[in-house]
Amino acid sequence: MPRLNRLLLTLLPLLFSVAAHADAIDGNWCGPKGRRISIEGSAGVYAGGHRLEGRYTRHSYSFAIPQGATDAGAAVDMVLQGETRTSVRIDNGPAEIWQRCSPDIS
C-alpha cells in the first residue's frame, strides 16, 4: 500500500499541472470575410489594426467593433470551443466558428 501512496503523490501534481495549462482565448483568431482579431487580456487588435478594449475571461471575450472597421459598433461575443476554435456571434447573429490563425497570419 505505501508504494501505491507514493505513486499517487507523484502523479497528482502532474494531473493538476495539466489542468493549470488549459487553453485560453488569448492569441490570433481568423474568421470568415477576412476578419481577424488578436487578443491579449482585455486588449485587442481588430482587422485593419483597430485597437480595442473588451470584456475578457480566460474562455470568452466580448467587445464592440471599433469605429472605422466594417460593422463598427456591432457587439461581438466570442466563446472558446477548444484550443483552436472559438464560436463568434456578431450582433446576436448566427454563430460562426473562427480558427486560430496559422503562425504566419496575425
Protein backbone atom coordinates (compact mmCIF):
# COMPACT_ATOMS: atom_id res chain seq x y z
CA MET A 1 0.00 0.00 0.00
CA PRO A 2 2.79 2.54 0.72
CA ARG A 3 4.02 2.06 -2.86
CA LEU A 4 0.59 2.99 -4.20
CA ASN A 5 0.53 6.11 -1.99
CA ARG A 6 3.91 7.19 -3.35
CA LEU A 7 2.67 6.68 -6.90
CA LEU A 8 -0.43 8.77 -6.24
CA LEU A 9 1.62 11.52 -4.61
CA THR A 10 3.87 11.55 -7.67
CA LEU A 11 1.02 11.65 -10.21
CA LEU A 12 -1.30 14.17 -8.54
CA PRO A 13 0.90 17.22 -9.18
CA LEU A 14 1.21 16.17 -12.82
CA LEU A 15 -2.55 15.97 -13.19
CA PHE A 16 -3.03 19.39 -11.64
CA SER A 17 -0.31 20.95 -13.81
CA VAL A 18 -2.10 19.74 -16.96
CA ALA A 19 -5.32 21.40 -15.77
CA ALA A 20 -3.45 24.60 -14.93
CA HIS A 21 -2.20 24.89 -18.52
CA ALA A 22 -5.67 24.70 -20.07
CA ASP A 23 -6.35 26.67 -23.21
CA ALA A 24 -7.19 30.40 -23.23
CA ILE A 25 -8.81 32.72 -25.74
CA ASP A 26 -5.68 34.89 -25.94
CA GLY A 27 -3.99 34.82 -29.34
CA ASN A 28 -4.74 35.41 -33.01
CA TRP A 29 -8.10 34.36 -34.48
CA CYS A 30 -9.17 34.23 -38.14
CA GLY A 31 -12.78 34.30 -39.26
CA PRO A 32 -14.75 34.47 -42.49
CA LYS A 33 -14.71 37.56 -44.72
CA GLY A 34 -11.10 38.32 -43.77
CA ARG A 35 -11.98 39.19 -40.18
CA ARG A 36 -9.15 38.81 -37.70
CA ILE A 37 -8.58 39.67 -34.09
CA SER A 38 -5.61 39.44 -31.78
CA ILE A 39 -6.46 39.15 -28.07
CA GLU A 40 -4.15 39.70 -25.12
CA GLY A 41 -6.15 40.01 -21.92
CA SER A 42 -8.70 42.80 -22.26
CA ALA A 43 -6.71 44.46 -25.09
CA GLY A 44 -7.35 43.53 -28.68
CA VAL A 45 -6.48 44.49 -32.23
CA TYR A 46 -9.24 44.02 -34.81
CA ALA A 47 -8.92 43.63 -38.59
CA GLY A 48 -7.13 46.59 -40.14
CA GLY A 49 -5.19 47.40 -36.95
CA HIS A 50 -8.11 48.89 -35.00
CA ARG A 51 -7.25 48.77 -31.29
CA LEU A 52 -9.96 47.97 -28.76
CA GLU A 53 -10.69 47.04 -25.15
CA GLY A 54 -13.10 44.22 -24.38
CA ARG A 55 -14.55 42.17 -21.54
CA TYR A 56 -12.13 39.28 -21.06
CA THR A 57 -12.28 35.98 -19.25
CA ARG A 58 -9.92 33.10 -19.88
CA HIS A 59 -12.51 31.44 -22.15
CA SER A 60 -14.53 34.36 -23.57
CA TYR A 61 -14.12 37.85 -24.99
CA SER A 62 -16.79 40.47 -25.78
CA PHE A 63 -16.29 43.81 -27.49
CA ALA A 64 -17.81 46.35 -29.88
CA ILE A 65 -16.31 46.51 -33.37
CA PRO A 66 -14.21 49.71 -33.40
CA GLN A 67 -15.06 52.83 -35.38
CA GLY A 68 -13.56 52.77 -38.86
CA ALA A 69 -13.95 48.99 -39.23
CA THR A 70 -16.70 47.25 -41.20
CA ASP A 71 -19.80 46.83 -38.99
CA ALA A 72 -18.48 49.43 -36.49
CA GLY A 73 -20.41 49.40 -33.22
CA ALA A 74 -21.69 45.83 -33.61
CA ALA A 75 -21.47 43.72 -30.44
CA VAL A 76 -19.22 40.66 -30.71
CA ASP A 77 -19.23 37.73 -28.30
CA MET A 78 -16.54 35.05 -28.55
CA VAL A 79 -16.57 31.79 -26.58
CA LEU A 80 -13.68 29.35 -26.71
CA GLN A 81 -14.65 25.91 -28.06
CA GLY A 82 -11.25 24.24 -27.75
CA GLU A 83 -7.61 25.13 -28.28
CA THR A 84 -8.09 26.02 -31.96
CA ARG A 85 -11.77 27.04 -32.28
CA THR A 86 -13.99 29.79 -30.97
CA SER A 87 -17.69 30.45 -31.51
CA VAL A 88 -18.33 34.07 -32.55
CA ARG A 89 -21.68 35.91 -32.61
CA ILE A 90 -21.90 39.36 -34.15
CA ASP A 91 -24.96 41.39 -33.05
CA ASN A 92 -26.72 38.18 -31.87
CA GLY A 93 -26.50 36.75 -35.39
CA PRO A 94 -25.78 33.11 -36.15
CA ALA A 95 -22.67 31.65 -34.56
CA GLU A 96 -19.57 31.48 -36.74
CA ILE A 97 -16.62 29.22 -35.99
CA TRP A 98 -13.29 31.03 -36.10
CA GLN A 99 -9.95 29.22 -36.08
CA ARG A 100 -6.61 30.13 -34.60
CA CYS A 101 -4.65 31.86 -37.35
CA SER A 102 -1.70 30.00 -38.77
CA PRO A 103 1.63 31.26 -37.39
CA ASP A 104 2.36 33.41 -40.45
CA ILE A 105 -1.03 35.21 -40.22
CA SER A 106 -1.97 37.51 -37.36
